[in-house]
C-alpha atoms as a PDB file:
ATOM      1  CA  MET A   1       0.094   0.184   0.160  1.00  0.00           C
ATOM      2  CA  SER A   2       1.082   3.273  -1.066  1.00  0.00           C
ATOM      3  CA  LYS A   3       1.958   6.582   1.320  1.00  0.00           C
ATOM      4  CA  ARG A   4      -1.148   8.295  -0.552  1.00  0.00           C
ATOM      5  CA  GLU A   5      -3.164   5.259  -0.066  1.00  0.00           C
ATOM      6  CA  GLN A   6      -2.339   4.827   3.879  1.00  0.00           C
ATOM      7  CA  LEU A   7      -3.451   8.246   4.044  1.00  0.00           C
ATOM      8  CA  GLU A   8      -6.646   8.490   2.176  1.00  0.00           C
ATOM      9  CA  LYS A   9      -7.608   5.275   4.516  1.00  0.00           C
ATOM     10  CA  LEU A  10      -6.488   7.155   7.946  1.00  0.00           C
ATOM     11  CA  LEU A  11      -8.407  10.384   6.437  1.00  0.00           C
ATOM     12  CA  GLU A  12     -11.929   8.115   6.083  1.00  0.00           C
ATOM     13  CA  SER A  13     -11.862   7.907   9.952  1.00  0.00           C
ATOM     14  CA  SER A  14     -10.121  11.697  10.569  1.00  0.00           C
ATOM     15  CA  PRO A  15     -11.613  13.734   7.573  1.00  0.00           C
ATOM     16  CA  ASP A  16     -11.014  17.200   9.277  1.00  0.00           C
ATOM     17  CA  ASP A  17      -7.477  16.207  10.718  1.00  0.00           C
ATOM     18  CA  LEU A  18      -5.112  18.919   8.915  1.00  0.00           C
ATOM     19  CA  PHE A  19      -2.043  17.105   9.513  1.00  0.00           C
ATOM     20  CA  LEU A  20      -3.422  14.194   7.496  1.00  0.00           C
ATOM     21  CA  ARG A  21      -4.394  16.157   5.117  1.00  0.00           C
ATOM     22  CA  TYR A  22      -1.871  18.056   4.235  1.00  0.00           C
ATOM     23  CA  ALA A  23      -0.060  14.751   4.313  1.00  0.00           C
ATOM     24  CA  PHE A  24      -2.328  13.432   1.632  1.00  0.00           C
ATOM     25  CA  ALA A  25      -1.881  16.479  -0.681  1.00  0.00           C
ATOM     26  CA  MET A  26       1.796  16.384  -0.153  1.00  0.00           C
ATOM     27  CA  ALA A  27       1.463  12.626  -1.338  1.00  0.00           C
ATOM     28  CA  CYS A  28      -0.409  12.904  -4.215  1.00  0.00           C
ATOM     29  CA  SER A  29       2.205  15.565  -5.121  1.00  0.00           C
ATOM     30  CA  SER A  30       5.138  13.248  -4.584  1.00  0.00           C
ATOM     31  CA  GLU A  31       2.962  10.922  -7.159  1.00  0.00           C
ATOM     32  CA  GLY A  32       2.677  13.231  -9.439  1.00  0.00           C
ATOM     33  CA  ASP A  33      -1.119  14.323  -8.996  1.00  0.00           C
ATOM     34  CA  ASN A  34      -0.422  17.806  -8.722  1.00  0.00           C
ATOM     35  CA  ASP A  35      -4.386  18.677 -10.311  1.00  0.00           C
ATOM     36  CA  THR A  36      -5.694  16.886  -6.701  1.00  0.00           C
ATOM     37  CA  ALA A  37      -2.787  18.200  -4.663  1.00  0.00           C
ATOM     38  CA  ALA A  38      -3.866  21.668  -5.345  1.00  0.00           C
ATOM     39  CA  GLU A  39      -7.456  21.154  -4.858  1.00  0.00           C
ATOM     40  CA  ARG A  40      -6.520  19.734  -1.363  1.00  0.00           C
ATOM     41  CA  LEU A  41      -4.258  22.609  -0.522  1.00  0.00           C
ATOM     42  CA  ALA A  42      -6.715  24.988  -1.692  1.00  0.00           C
ATOM     43  CA  GLY A  43      -9.443  23.216   0.619  1.00  0.00           C
ATOM     44  CA  ILE A  44      -6.474  23.603   3.627  1.00  0.00           C
ATOM     45  CA  ASN A  45      -6.764  27.233   2.795  1.00  0.00           C
ATOM     46  CA  SER A  46      -9.969  28.096   3.084  1.00  0.00           C
ATOM     47  CA  THR A  47     -10.260  26.155   6.124  1.00  0.00           C
ATOM     48  CA  ASP A  48      -6.988  27.311   7.994  1.00  0.00           C
ATOM     49  CA  PRO A  49      -6.130  30.269   6.529  1.00  0.00           C
ATOM     50  CA  ASP A  50      -3.162  30.406   8.735  1.00  0.00           C
ATOM     51  CA  HIS A  51      -1.669  27.078   7.407  1.00  0.00           C
ATOM     52  CA  VAL A  52       1.270  28.742   6.144  1.00  0.00           C
ATOM     53  CA  ALA A  53       3.295  25.887   4.081  1.00  0.00           C
ATOM     54  CA  ALA A  54       0.165  25.002   2.606  1.00  0.00           C
ATOM     55  CA  TRP A  55      -0.253  28.529   0.717  1.00  0.00           C
ATOM     56  CA  PHE A  56       3.676  27.985   0.097  1.00  0.00           C
ATOM     57  CA  GLN A  57       2.768  24.638  -1.303  1.00  0.00           C
ATOM     58  CA  HIS A  58      -0.094  25.363  -3.022  1.00  0.00           C
ATOM     59  CA  GLY A  59       1.313  28.473  -5.167  1.00  0.00           C
ATOM     60  CA  LYS A  60       4.714  26.422  -5.937  1.00  0.00           C
ATOM     61  CA  ILE A  61       2.354  23.503  -6.911  1.00  0.00           C
ATOM     62  CA  LEU A  62      -0.169  25.979  -9.239  1.00  0.00           C
ATOM     63  CA  ASN A  63       3.078  27.744 -10.629  1.00  0.00           C
ATOM     64  CA  GLU A  64       4.250  24.317 -11.888  1.00  0.00           C
ATOM     65  CA  LEU A  65       1.153  23.464 -13.503  1.00  0.00           C
ATOM     66  CA  GLY A  66       1.363  26.560 -15.555  1.00  0.00           C
ATOM     67  CA  GLU A  67      -1.047  28.746 -13.543  1.00  0.00           C
ATOM     68  CA  SER A  68       1.342  31.492 -12.590  1.00  0.00           C
ATOM     69  CA  ASP A  69      -1.443  34.264 -12.174  1.00  0.00           C
ATOM     70  CA  ASP A  70      -3.292  31.872  -9.484  1.00  0.00           C
ATOM     71  CA  ALA A  71       0.248  31.031  -7.863  1.00  0.00           C
ATOM     72  CA  ARG A  72       1.012  34.936  -7.554  1.00  0.00           C
ATOM     73  CA  ASP A  73      -2.564  35.211  -5.761  1.00  0.00           C
ATOM     74  CA  VAL A  74      -1.912  32.214  -3.271  1.00  0.00           C
ATOM     75  CA  ILE A  75       1.757  33.453  -2.483  1.00  0.00           C
ATOM     76  CA  VAL A  76       0.344  37.067  -1.708  1.00  0.00           C
ATOM     77  CA  ASN A  77      -2.244  35.356   0.430  1.00  0.00           C
ATOM     78  CA  GLY A  78       0.418  33.270   2.149  1.00  0.00           C
ATOM     79  CA  ILE A  79       2.672  36.206   3.027  1.00  0.00           C
ATOM     80  CA  ALA A  80       0.139  37.183   4.661  1.00  0.00           C
ATOM     81  CA  ALA A  81      -0.747  34.442   6.457  1.00  0.00           C
ATOM     82  CA  ALA A  82       2.909  34.179   7.525  1.00  0.00           C
ATOM     83  CA  GLN A  83       2.927  38.092   8.782  1.00  0.00           C
ATOM     84  CA  ARG A  84      -0.358  36.689  10.831  1.00  0.00           C
ATOM     85  CA  VAL A  85       1.093  34.270  12.657  1.00  0.00           C
ATOM     86  CA  GLY A  86       4.757  35.970  12.623  1.00  0.00           C
ATOM     87  CA  ASP A  87       6.333  33.379  10.168  1.00  0.00           C
ATOM     88  CA  ASP A  88       9.359  35.274   9.034  1.00  0.00           C
ATOM     89  CA  HIS A  89      11.126  32.996   7.515  1.00  0.00           C
ATOM     90  CA  ALA A  90       8.358  31.369   5.553  1.00  0.00           C
ATOM     91  CA  GLU A  91       7.251  35.360   4.234  1.00  0.00           C
ATOM     92  CA  GLU A  92      10.992  35.464   2.985  1.00  0.00           C
ATOM     93  CA  GLU A  93      11.006  32.527   1.286  1.00  0.00           C
ATOM     94  CA  MET A  94       7.431  33.156  -0.533  1.00  0.00           C
ATOM     95  CA  ARG A  95       8.534  36.716  -1.066  1.00  0.00           C
ATOM     96  CA  GLY A  96      11.830  35.453  -2.753  1.00  0.00           C
ATOM     97  CA  PHE A  97       9.557  32.692  -4.415  1.00  0.00           C
ATOM     98  CA  LEU A  98       7.206  35.085  -5.687  1.00  0.00           C
ATOM     99  CA  ALA A  99       9.675  37.194  -7.723  1.00  0.00           C
ATOM    100  CA  LEU A 100      10.554  34.078  -9.552  1.00  0.00           C
ATOM    101  CA  ILE A 101       7.332  33.161 -10.770  1.00  0.00           C
ATOM    102  CA  VAL A 102       6.955  34.627 -14.332  1.00  0.00           C
END
């Protein structure tokens, strides 16, 4: 059973577990299923707007999918989230990534 399948099974009994939701999205991305990963990360962004890592990963995946305008919007929201929670390091990383989006 793959990591993704294991996480999916765990999510059946704990669908609101933020850690499992994020791990599942990242497992999808690792397997090359960036569409599902982006969808799952968008869900985390809407239910937990202060989940800084979800904003950053969501923006990176959208950029990989060629959706640069959406990626910029997500990263800008991620920077705001990082500022809200006081995560200076993540804010700096996202500002650097924002400058690279074409």
